Amino acid sequence: QVQLVESGGGLVQPGGSLRLSCAASGNIFSIYAMGWYRQSPGKQRELVAVITRGGSTNYAESVKGRFTISRDNAGNTVNLQMNSLKPEDTAVYYCNVVATIPVGDYWGQGTQVTVSS
């Protein structure tokens, strides 16, 4: 069984910053990629940022230059530093892990990010 524990969501004013973290544990021995997705009411879940085992990153156009994704040295924790937040960043953010041992696609429970004055 694999557990993903997310932390760091909350309420912030426009222009502010938040840092999300997601720690993977359990029966997971090799992770290919870790990432963050978000979903706001009435919209489909969308990719925010992803980082692979080799360190390659990919970002949604809407967050480039403002968000930074990183992984710890052990490779089981992924962080998302979000700066210059905008009201349109308001959503539930979900951690995603793509594993190779065992093969699987895992999701966190989601953490709410609200950007509002």
Protein backbone atom coordinates (compact mmCIF):
# COMPACT_ATOMS: atom_id res chain seq x y z
CA GLN A 1 0.00 0.00 0.00
CA VAL A 2 1.22 3.49 -0.89
CA GLN A 3 0.46 6.64 1.07
CA LEU A 4 0.83 10.20 -0.16
CA VAL A 5 0.66 12.85 2.54
CA GLU A 6 0.21 16.42 1.36
CA SER A 7 0.71 19.59 3.36
CA GLY A 8 1.02 23.32 2.91
CA GLY A 9 -2.26 24.52 1.46
CA GLY A 10 -4.19 27.45 2.83
CA LEU A 11 -5.44 30.98 2.27
CA VAL A 12 -3.10 33.64 0.89
CA GLN A 13 -3.50 37.11 -0.55
CA PRO A 14 -2.78 37.80 -4.22
CA GLY A 15 0.93 38.19 -4.75
CA GLY A 16 1.72 35.94 -1.80
CA SER A 17 3.50 32.62 -1.61
CA LEU A 18 2.77 29.09 -0.46
CA ARG A 19 4.80 25.89 -0.42
CA LEU A 20 3.18 22.52 -0.92
CA SER A 21 4.85 19.26 0.05
CA CYS A 22 3.97 15.65 -0.65
CA ALA A 23 5.68 12.67 0.95
CA ALA A 24 5.31 9.19 -0.48
CA SER A 25 5.66 6.15 1.76
CA GLY A 26 4.72 2.50 1.95
CA ASN A 27 5.35 -0.22 -0.58
CA ILE A 28 6.93 1.97 -3.22
CA PHE A 29 10.48 1.27 -4.25
CA SER A 30 11.08 3.20 -7.43
CA ILE A 31 9.44 6.46 -8.49
CA TYR A 32 9.62 7.68 -12.07
CA ALA A 33 7.89 11.03 -11.68
CA MET A 34 6.18 13.16 -9.08
CA GLY A 35 3.92 16.05 -9.82
CA TRP A 36 1.12 18.38 -8.86
CA TYR A 37 -2.25 18.76 -10.51
CA ARG A 38 -5.08 21.09 -9.62
CA GLN A 39 -8.80 21.24 -10.05
CA SER A 40 -11.16 24.15 -9.53
CA PRO A 41 -14.97 23.94 -9.51
CA GLY A 42 -16.43 23.22 -12.90
CA LYS A 43 -13.06 22.55 -14.49
CA GLN A 44 -11.08 19.47 -15.35
CA ARG A 45 -8.05 18.48 -13.38
CA GLU A 46 -4.95 19.97 -14.98
CA LEU A 47 -1.23 19.47 -14.72
CA VAL A 48 0.59 22.15 -12.76
CA ALA A 49 4.14 20.80 -12.69
CA VAL A 50 5.98 17.49 -12.84
CA ILE A 51 9.54 16.38 -12.12
CA THR A 52 11.08 13.11 -13.24
CA ARG A 53 13.62 10.88 -11.56
CA GLY A 54 16.28 12.45 -13.73
CA GLY A 55 15.32 15.94 -12.69
CA SER A 56 13.51 17.03 -15.84
CA THR A 57 10.64 19.39 -15.18
CA ASN A 58 7.54 20.48 -17.01
CA TYR A 59 5.19 23.30 -16.08
CA ALA A 60 1.81 24.54 -17.17
CA GLU A 61 2.19 27.75 -19.15
CA SER A 62 0.08 29.61 -16.62
CA VAL A 63 2.55 28.97 -13.78
CA LYS A 64 5.90 29.22 -15.55
CA GLY A 65 8.18 31.71 -13.84
CA ARG A 66 6.07 31.69 -10.68
CA PHE A 67 6.07 28.07 -9.47
CA THR A 68 9.04 25.81 -8.87
CA ILE A 69 8.87 22.05 -8.39
CA SER A 70 11.62 20.11 -6.61
CA ARG A 71 12.33 16.70 -5.10
CA ASP A 72 14.38 15.77 -2.06
CA ASN A 73 17.55 13.72 -2.40
CA ALA A 74 15.80 10.52 -1.36
CA GLY A 75 13.32 11.12 -4.15
CA ASN A 76 10.22 10.41 -2.11
CA THR A 77 9.14 13.98 -1.37
CA VAL A 78 8.08 16.57 -3.88
CA ASN A 79 7.65 20.26 -3.16
CA LEU A 80 5.91 23.02 -5.06
CA GLN A 81 6.99 26.56 -4.28
CA MET A 82 4.27 28.92 -5.46
CA ASN A 83 5.10 32.62 -5.71
CA SER A 84 3.19 35.61 -7.05
CA LEU A 85 -0.06 33.76 -6.52
CA LYS A 86 -3.14 34.91 -8.39
CA PRO A 87 -6.85 34.38 -7.67
CA GLU A 88 -6.99 32.06 -10.67
CA ASP A 89 -4.55 29.73 -8.89
CA THR A 90 -7.32 28.92 -6.43
CA ALA A 91 -8.00 25.18 -6.62
CA VAL A 92 -7.58 21.87 -4.88
CA TYR A 93 -4.03 20.72 -5.52
CA TYR A 94 -3.32 17.01 -5.84
CA CYS A 95 -0.01 15.22 -5.56
CA ASN A 96 0.63 12.51 -8.14
CA VAL A 97 3.27 9.81 -8.18
CA VAL A 98 4.09 7.55 -11.11
CA ALA A 99 5.95 4.50 -9.84
CA THR A 100 7.82 1.75 -11.62
CA ILE A 101 8.32 -0.62 -8.68
CA PRO A 102 5.57 -1.53 -8.25
CA VAL A 103 3.98 -0.09 -11.36
CA GLY A 104 1.28 2.35 -10.38
CA ASP A 105 -0.23 5.80 -10.55
CA TYR A 106 -1.03 7.23 -7.13
CA TRP A 107 -2.90 10.31 -5.94
CA GLY A 108 -2.97 12.30 -2.74
CA GLN A 109 -6.17 13.41 -1.04
CA GLY A 110 -5.81 17.00 -2.20
CA THR A 111 -5.08 20.24 -0.41
CA GLN A 112 -7.01 23.48 -0.86
CA VAL A 113 -5.22 26.60 -2.03
CA THR A 114 -7.25 29.81 -1.94
CA VAL A 115 -5.89 33.10 -3.25
CA SER A 116 -8.09 35.95 -2.17
CA SER A 117 -7.94 39.38 -0.61
